[in-house]
Amino acid sequence: MHGNVWEWCQDNRHDSYKGAPSNGSTWIDNDNKYRVLRSGSWLNPPVGCRSANRSRFNPDSGNNHLGFRVVCVAEARTL
């Protein structure tokens, strides 16, 4: 899941992963106004369009190169 638009995540921006939740929950524990952006947009070179690419953005600013990372929990099924 990468490329086309930056994916705006719910987490606050942190300088490192030290202290990050290990259970996959969002990391909202500071007054930082910036949110995490993942991937990259169509304006970025290919090296920047990967799911591990990370940046930040102020939600009060507008930008038409941002999208949303939609996450849902899949039900476990037995075959």
PDB file of N, CA and C in Angstrom:
ATOM      1  N   MET A   1       0.844  -1.172   0.000  1.00  0.00           N
ATOM      2  CA  MET A   1       0.000   0.000   0.000  1.00  0.00           C
ATOM      3  C   MET A   1       0.892   1.239   0.000  1.00  0.00           C
ATOM      4  N   HIS A   2       1.149   1.789  -1.168  1.00  0.00           N
ATOM      5  CA  HIS A   2       2.003   2.957  -1.213  1.00  0.00           C
ATOM      6  C   HIS A   2       1.869   3.681  -2.545  1.00  0.00           C
ATOM      7  N   GLY A   3       2.299   4.919  -2.539  1.00  0.00           N
ATOM      8  CA  GLY A   3       2.277   5.735  -3.739  1.00  0.00           C
ATOM      9  C   GLY A   3       0.963   6.474  -3.934  1.00  0.00           C
ATOM     10  N   ASN A   4       0.888   7.267  -4.967  1.00  0.00           N
ATOM     11  CA  ASN A   4      -0.261   8.052  -5.383  1.00  0.00           C
ATOM     12  C   ASN A   4      -0.528   9.248  -4.463  1.00  0.00           C
ATOM     13  N   VAL A   5      -0.849   9.042  -3.202  1.00  0.00           N
ATOM     14  CA  VAL A   5      -1.064  10.139  -2.248  1.00  0.00           C
ATOM     15  C   VAL A   5      -0.376   9.801  -0.931  1.00  0.00           C
ATOM     16  N   TRP A   6      -0.010  10.840  -0.192  1.00  0.00           N
ATOM     17  CA  TRP A   6       0.458  10.633   1.174  1.00  0.00           C
ATOM     18  C   TRP A   6      -0.711  10.108   1.989  1.00  0.00           C
ATOM     19  N   GLU A   7      -0.470   9.179   2.878  1.00  0.00           N
ATOM     20  CA  GLU A   7      -1.521   8.606   3.719  1.00  0.00           C
ATOM     21  C   GLU A   7      -1.423   9.232   5.102  1.00  0.00           C
ATOM     22  N   TRP A   8      -2.440   9.968   5.484  1.00  0.00           N
ATOM     23  CA  TRP A   8      -2.474  10.681   6.750  1.00  0.00           C
ATOM     24  C   TRP A   8      -2.911   9.710   7.835  1.00  0.00           C
ATOM     25  N   CYS A   9      -2.065   9.505   8.843  1.00  0.00           N
ATOM     26  CA  CYS A   9      -2.353   8.574   9.933  1.00  0.00           C
ATOM     27  C   CYS A   9      -2.804   9.329  11.180  1.00  0.00           C
ATOM     28  N   GLN A  10      -3.422   8.642  12.109  1.00  0.00           N
ATOM     29  CA  GLN A  10      -3.962   9.265  13.316  1.00  0.00           C
ATOM     30  C   GLN A  10      -2.880   9.624  14.336  1.00  0.00           C
ATOM     31  N   ASP A  11      -1.751   8.966  14.284  1.00  0.00           N
ATOM     32  CA  ASP A  11      -0.697   9.155  15.273  1.00  0.00           C
ATOM     33  C   ASP A  11      -0.095  10.549  15.249  1.00  0.00           C
ATOM     34  N   ASN A  12       0.262  11.060  16.456  1.00  0.00           N
ATOM     35  CA  ASN A  12       1.067  12.276  16.538  1.00  0.00           C
ATOM     36  C   ASN A  12       2.450  11.957  16.009  1.00  0.00           C
ATOM     37  N   ARG A  13       3.138  12.955  15.493  1.00  0.00           N
ATOM     38  CA  ARG A  13       4.503  12.785  15.003  1.00  0.00           C
ATOM     39  C   ARG A  13       5.457  12.739  16.188  1.00  0.00           C
ATOM     40  N   HIS A  14       6.325  11.755  16.202  1.00  0.00           N
ATOM     41  CA  HIS A  14       7.373  11.609  17.212  1.00  0.00           C
ATOM     42  C   HIS A  14       8.710  11.552  16.503  1.00  0.00           C
ATOM     43  N   ASP A  15       9.780  11.919  17.201  1.00  0.00           N
ATOM     44  CA  ASP A  15      11.112  11.919  16.595  1.00  0.00           C
ATOM     45  C   ASP A  15      11.688  10.524  16.416  1.00  0.00           C
ATOM     46  N   SER A  16      11.194   9.556  17.189  1.00  0.00           N
ATOM     47  CA  SER A  16      11.676   8.182  17.073  1.00  0.00           C
ATOM     48  C   SER A  16      10.539   7.245  17.481  1.00  0.00           C
ATOM     49  N   TYR A  17      10.806   5.957  17.385  1.00  0.00           N
ATOM     50  CA  TYR A  17       9.812   4.959  17.801  1.00  0.00           C
ATOM     51  C   TYR A  17       9.970   4.562  19.268  1.00  0.00           C
ATOM     52  N   LYS A  18      10.885   5.182  19.981  1.00  0.00           N
ATOM     53  CA  LYS A  18      11.104   4.854  21.388  1.00  0.00           C
ATOM     54  C   LYS A  18       9.837   5.172  22.189  1.00  0.00           C
ATOM     55  N   GLY A  19       9.280   4.164  22.855  1.00  0.00           N
ATOM     56  CA  GLY A  19       8.062   4.328  23.634  1.00  0.00           C
ATOM     57  C   GLY A  19       6.782   4.116  22.841  1.00  0.00           C
ATOM     58  N   ALA A  20       6.908   3.724  21.579  1.00  0.00           N
ATOM     59  CA  ALA A  20       5.728   3.498  20.742  1.00  0.00           C
ATOM     60  C   ALA A  20       4.957   2.270  21.215  1.00  0.00           C
ATOM     61  N   PRO A  21       3.635   2.266  21.075  1.00  0.00           N
ATOM     62  CA  PRO A  21       2.847   1.086  21.438  1.00  0.00           C
ATOM     63  C   PRO A  21       3.252  -0.111  20.581  1.00  0.00           C
ATOM     64  N   SER A  22       3.287  -1.269  21.173  1.00  0.00           N
ATOM     65  CA  SER A  22       3.657  -2.478  20.431  1.00  0.00           C
ATOM     66  C   SER A  22       2.432  -3.298  20.024  1.00  0.00           C
ATOM     67  N   ASN A  23       1.238  -2.805  20.348  1.00  0.00           N
ATOM     68  CA  ASN A  23       0.024  -3.564  20.045  1.00  0.00           C
ATOM     69  C   ASN A  23      -0.729  -3.041  18.819  1.00  0.00           C
ATOM     70  N   GLY A  24      -0.135  -2.105  18.073  1.00  0.00           N
ATOM     71  CA  GLY A  24      -0.767  -1.584  16.871  1.00  0.00           C
ATOM     72  C   GLY A  24      -1.729  -0.435  17.108  1.00  0.00           C
ATOM     73  N   SER A  25      -1.882  -0.001  18.359  1.00  0.00           N
ATOM     74  CA  SER A  25      -2.789   1.108  18.641  1.00  0.00           C
ATOM     75  C   SER A  25      -2.149   2.439  18.231  1.00  0.00           C
ATOM     76  N   THR A  26      -2.973   3.484  18.132  1.00  0.00           N
ATOM     77  CA  THR A  26      -2.451   4.790  17.762  1.00  0.00           C
ATOM     78  C   THR A  26      -1.597   5.366  18.885  1.00  0.00           C
ATOM     79  N   TRP A  27      -0.684   6.229  18.520  1.00  0.00           N
ATOM     80  CA  TRP A  27       0.260   6.807  19.483  1.00  0.00           C
ATOM     81  C   TRP A  27      -0.027   8.300  19.581  1.00  0.00           C
ATOM     82  N   ILE A  28      -0.948   8.632  20.465  1.00  0.00           N
ATOM     83  CA  ILE A  28      -1.343  10.020  20.681  1.00  0.00           C
ATOM     84  C   ILE A  28      -1.082  10.341  22.141  1.00  0.00           C
ATOM     85  N   ASP A  29       0.086  10.899  22.421  1.00  0.00           N
ATOM     86  CA  ASP A  29       0.435  11.149  23.818  1.00  0.00           C
ATOM     87  C   ASP A  29       1.185  12.449  24.030  1.00  0.00           C
ATOM     88  N   ASN A  30       1.143  13.334  23.045  1.00  0.00           N
ATOM     89  CA  ASN A  30       1.844  14.610  23.225  1.00  0.00           C
ATOM     90  C   ASN A  30       1.011  15.734  22.609  1.00  0.00           C
ATOM     91  N   ASP A  31       1.459  16.947  22.796  1.00  0.00           N
ATOM     92  CA  ASP A  31       0.740  18.107  22.275  1.00  0.00           C
ATOM     93  C   ASP A  31       1.234  18.512  20.892  1.00  0.00           C
ATOM     94  N   ASN A  32       1.988  17.633  20.265  1.00  0.00           N
ATOM     95  CA  ASN A  32       2.519  17.915  18.942  1.00  0.00           C
ATOM     96  C   ASN A  32       1.363  18.067  17.955  1.00  0.00           C
ATOM     97  N   LYS A  33       1.313  19.162  17.237  1.00  0.00           N
ATOM     98  CA  LYS A  33       0.222  19.397  16.295  1.00  0.00           C
ATOM     99  C   LYS A  33       0.388  18.628  14.992  1.00  0.00           C
ATOM    100  N   TYR A  34       1.581  18.091  14.750  1.00  0.00           N
ATOM    101  CA  TYR A  34       1.843  17.366  13.514  1.00  0.00           C
ATOM    102  C   TYR A  34       1.333  15.931  13.582  1.00  0.00           C
ATOM    103  N   ARG A  35       0.869  15.416  12.454  1.00  0.00           N
ATOM    104  CA  ARG A  35       0.434  14.032  12.325  1.00  0.00           C
ATOM    105  C   ARG A  35       1.398  13.303  11.394  1.00  0.00           C
ATOM    106  N   VAL A  36       1.429  11.975  11.526  1.00  0.00           N
ATOM    107  CA  VAL A  36       2.304  11.147  10.700  1.00  0.00           C
ATOM    108  C   VAL A  36       1.712  11.007   9.299  1.00  0.00           C
ATOM    109  N   LEU A  37       2.571  11.114   8.315  1.00  0.00           N
ATOM    110  CA  LEU A  37       2.222  10.815   6.930  1.00  0.00           C
ATOM    111  C   LEU A  37       3.055   9.633   6.486  1.00  0.00           C
ATOM    112  N   ARG A  38       2.448   8.729   5.747  1.00  0.00           N
ATOM    113  CA  ARG A  38       3.160   7.556   5.230  1.00  0.00           C
ATOM    114  C   ARG A  38       3.089   7.521   3.713  1.00  0.00           C
ATOM    115  N   SER A  39       4.047   6.843   3.119  1.00  0.00           N
ATOM    116  CA  SER A  39       4.114   6.531   1.703  1.00  0.00           C
ATOM    117  C   SER A  39       4.702   7.671   0.904  1.00  0.00           C
ATOM    118  N   GLY A  40       3.960   8.385   0.107  1.00  0.00           N
ATOM    119  CA  GLY A  40       4.441   9.451  -0.753  1.00  0.00           C
ATOM    120  C   GLY A  40       3.398   9.721  -1.813  1.00  0.00           C
ATOM    121  N   SER A  41       3.488  10.867  -2.442  1.00  0.00           N
ATOM    122  CA  SER A  41       2.479  11.212  -3.443  1.00  0.00           C
ATOM    123  C   SER A  41       3.046  11.060  -4.846  1.00  0.00           C
ATOM    124  N   TRP A  42       2.224  11.329  -5.812  1.00  0.00           N
ATOM    125  CA  TRP A  42       2.623  11.246  -7.204  1.00  0.00           C
ATOM    126  C   TRP A  42       3.709  12.265  -7.549  1.00  0.00           C
ATOM    127  N   LEU A  43       3.913  13.249  -6.672  1.00  0.00           N
ATOM    128  CA  LEU A  43       4.961  14.242  -6.897  1.00  0.00           C
ATOM    129  C   LEU A  43       6.342  13.758  -6.462  1.00  0.00           C
ATOM    130  N   ASN A  44       6.390  12.687  -5.659  1.00  0.00           N
ATOM    131  CA  ASN A  44       7.658  12.201  -5.131  1.00  0.00           C
ATOM    132  C   ASN A  44       8.345  11.258  -6.112  1.00  0.00           C
ATOM    133  N   PRO A  45       9.682  11.191  -6.045  1.00  0.00           N
ATOM    134  CA  PRO A  45      10.393  10.200  -6.856  1.00  0.00           C
ATOM    135  C   PRO A  45      10.071   8.793  -6.339  1.00  0.00           C
ATOM    136  N   PRO A  46      10.290   7.752  -7.126  1.00  0.00           N
ATOM    137  CA  PRO A  46       9.943   6.385  -6.714  1.00  0.00           C
ATOM    138  C   PRO A  46      10.511   5.969  -5.361  1.00  0.00           C
ATOM    139  N   VAL A  47      11.709   6.429  -5.020  1.00  0.00           N
ATOM    140  CA  VAL A  47      12.304   6.039  -3.741  1.00  0.00           C
ATOM    141  C   VAL A  47      11.466   6.546  -2.561  1.00  0.00           C
ATOM    142  N   GLY A  48      10.705   7.621  -2.749  1.00  0.00           N
ATOM    143  CA  GLY A  48       9.870   8.153  -1.685  1.00  0.00           C
ATOM    144  C   GLY A  48       8.483   7.545  -1.626  1.00  0.00           C
ATOM    145  N   CYS A  49       8.121   6.747  -2.616  1.00  0.00           N
ATOM    146  CA  CYS A  49       6.782   6.143  -2.669  1.00  0.00           C
ATOM    147  C   CYS A  49       6.835   4.709  -2.178  1.00  0.00           C
ATOM    148  N   ARG A  50       7.108   4.547  -0.929  1.00  0.00           N
ATOM    149  CA  ARG A  50       7.127   3.223  -0.305  1.00  0.00           C
ATOM    150  C   ARG A  50       6.427   3.322   1.037  1.00  0.00           C
ATOM    151  N   SER A  51       5.824   2.236   1.490  1.00  0.00           N
ATOM    152  CA  SER A  51       4.990   2.276   2.692  1.00  0.00           C
ATOM    153  C   SER A  51       5.782   2.645   3.944  1.00  0.00           C
ATOM    154  N   ALA A  52       7.084   2.396   3.979  1.00  0.00           N
ATOM    155  CA  ALA A  52       7.892   2.735   5.150  1.00  0.00           C
ATOM    156  C   ALA A  52       8.299   4.207   5.178  1.00  0.00           C
ATOM    157  N   ASN A  53       8.093   4.920   4.093  1.00  0.00           N
ATOM    158  CA  ASN A  53       8.436   6.344   4.048  1.00  0.00           C
ATOM    159  C   ASN A  53       7.549   7.098   5.033  1.00  0.00           C
ATOM    160  N   ARG A  54       8.146   7.984   5.810  1.00  0.00           N
ATOM    161  CA  ARG A  54       7.415   8.666   6.874  1.00  0.00           C
ATOM    162  C   ARG A  54       7.739  10.146   6.878  1.00  0.00           C
ATOM    163  N   SER A  55       6.712  10.961   7.078  1.00  0.00           N
ATOM    164  CA  SER A  55       6.897  12.397   7.161  1.00  0.00           C
ATOM    165  C   SER A  55       5.885  12.959   8.159  1.00  0.00           C
ATOM    166  N   ARG A  56       5.705  14.282   8.153  1.00  0.00           N
ATOM    167  CA  ARG A  56       4.768  14.913   9.082  1.00  0.00           C
ATOM    168  C   ARG A  56       4.021  16.024   8.358  1.00  0.00           C
ATOM    169  N   PHE A  57       2.868  16.398   8.917  1.00  0.00           N
ATOM    170  CA  PHE A  57       2.080  17.469   8.328  1.00  0.00           C
ATOM    171  C   PHE A  57       1.184  18.067   9.390  1.00  0.00           C
ATOM    172  N   ASN A  58       0.982  19.365   9.310  1.00  0.00           N
ATOM    173  CA  ASN A  58       0.094  20.057  10.241  1.00  0.00           C
ATOM    174  C   ASN A  58      -1.338  19.938   9.716  1.00  0.00           C
ATOM    175  N   PRO A  59      -2.258  19.365  10.504  1.00  0.00           N
ATOM    176  CA  PRO A  59      -3.636  19.192  10.034  1.00  0.00           C
ATOM    177  C   PRO A  59      -4.357  20.501   9.732  1.00  0.00           C
ATOM    178  N   ASP A  60      -3.856  21.621  10.269  1.00  0.00           N
ATOM    179  CA  ASP A  60      -4.491  22.907  10.012  1.00  0.00           C
ATOM    180  C   ASP A  60      -4.174  23.442   8.613  1.00  0.00           C
ATOM    181  N   SER A  61      -3.230  22.829   7.942  1.00  0.00           N
ATOM    182  CA  SER A  61      -2.847  23.253   6.594  1.00  0.00           C
ATOM    183  C   SER A  61      -3.598  22.414   5.562  1.00  0.00           C
ATOM    184  N   GLY A  62      -3.899  22.989   4.446  1.00  0.00           N
ATOM    185  CA  GLY A  62      -4.580  22.249   3.386  1.00  0.00           C
ATOM    186  C   GLY A  62      -3.586  21.717   2.371  1.00  0.00           C
ATOM    187  N   ASN A  63      -3.907  20.580   1.777  1.00  0.00           N
ATOM    188  CA  ASN A  63      -3.035  19.993   0.779  1.00  0.00           C
ATOM    189  C   ASN A  63      -3.837  18.976  -0.021  1.00  0.00           C
ATOM    190  N   ASN A  64      -3.747  19.016  -1.337  1.00  0.00           N
ATOM    191  CA  ASN A  64      -4.492  18.055  -2.144  1.00  0.00           C
ATOM    192  C   ASN A  64      -3.668  16.831  -2.519  1.00  0.00           C
ATOM    193  N   HIS A  65      -2.549  16.604  -1.845  1.00  0.00           N
ATOM    194  CA  HIS A  65      -1.735  15.423  -2.083  1.00  0.00           C
ATOM    195  C   HIS A  65      -1.850  14.431  -0.928  1.00  0.00           C
ATOM    196  N   LEU A  66      -2.828  14.629  -0.045  1.00  0.00           N
ATOM    197  CA  LEU A  66      -3.009  13.762   1.113  1.00  0.00           C
ATOM    198  C   LEU A  66      -4.239  12.898   0.940  1.00  0.00           C
ATOM    199  N   GLY A  67      -4.165  11.682   1.459  1.00  0.00           N
ATOM    200  CA  GLY A  67      -5.306  10.771   1.486  1.00  0.00           C
ATOM    201  C   GLY A  67      -5.406  10.178   2.872  1.00  0.00           C
ATOM    202  N   PHE A  68      -6.119   9.095   3.023  1.00  0.00           N
ATOM    203  CA  PHE A  68      -6.257   8.446   4.321  1.00  0.00           C
ATOM    204  C   PHE A  68      -5.852   6.991   4.224  1.00  0.00           C
ATOM    205  N   ARG A  69      -5.230   6.500   5.276  1.00  0.00           N
ATOM    206  CA  ARG A  69      -4.911   5.088   5.380  1.00  0.00           C
ATOM    207  C   ARG A  69      -6.084   4.436   6.103  1.00  0.00           C
ATOM    208  N   VAL A  70      -6.839   3.653   5.415  1.00  0.00           N
ATOM    209  CA  VAL A  70      -8.017   3.006   5.980  1.00  0.00           C
ATOM    210  C   VAL A  70      -7.608   1.642   6.522  1.00  0.00           C
ATOM    211  N   VAL A  71      -7.963   1.408   7.774  1.00  0.00           N
ATOM    212  CA  VAL A  71      -7.604   0.152   8.429  1.00  0.00           C
ATOM    213  C   VAL A  71      -8.858  -0.507   8.960  1.00  0.00           C
ATOM    214  N   CYS A  72      -8.986  -1.789   8.738  1.00  0.00           N
ATOM    215  CA  CYS A  72     -10.111  -2.534   9.320  1.00  0.00           C
ATOM    216  C   CYS A  72      -9.590  -3.884   9.784  1.00  0.00           C
ATOM    217  N   VAL A  73     -10.269  -4.438  10.748  1.00  0.00           N
ATOM    218  CA  VAL A  73      -9.889  -5.736  11.295  1.00  0.00           C
ATOM    219  C   VAL A  73     -10.670  -6.805  10.545  1.00  0.00           C
ATOM    220  N   ALA A  74      -9.957  -7.754  10.004  1.00  0.00           N
ATOM    221  CA  ALA A  74     -10.599  -8.848   9.268  1.00  0.00           C
ATOM    222  C   ALA A  74     -11.017  -9.936  10.245  1.00  0.00           C
ATOM    223  N   GLU A  75     -12.169 -10.513   9.987  1.00  0.00           N
ATOM    224  CA  GLU A  75     -12.660 -11.607  10.820  1.00  0.00           C
ATOM    225  C   GLU A  75     -11.891 -12.873  10.485  1.00  0.00           C
ATOM    226  N   ALA A  76     -11.531 -13.608  11.515  1.00  0.00           N
ATOM    227  CA  ALA A  76     -10.847 -14.878  11.290  1.00  0.00           C
ATOM    228  C   ALA A  76     -11.869 -15.921  10.820  1.00  0.00           C
ATOM    229  N   ARG A  77     -11.541 -16.628   9.778  1.00  0.00           N
ATOM    230  CA  ARG A  77     -12.447 -17.653   9.241  1.00  0.00           C
ATOM    231  C   ARG A  77     -11.717 -18.987   9.201  1.00  0.00           C
ATOM    232  N   THR A  78     -12.445 -20.013   9.452  1.00  0.00           N
ATOM    233  CA  THR A  78     -11.875 -21.361   9.349  1.00  0.00           C
ATOM    234  C   THR A  78     -12.318 -21.962   8.032  1.00  0.00           C
ATOM    235  N   LEU A  79     -11.411 -22.631   7.374  1.00  0.00           N
ATOM    236  CA  LEU A  79     -11.737 -23.249   6.085  1.00  0.00           C
ATOM    237  C   LEU A  79     -12.104 -24.679   6.228  1.00  0.00           C
TER     238      LEU A  79
END
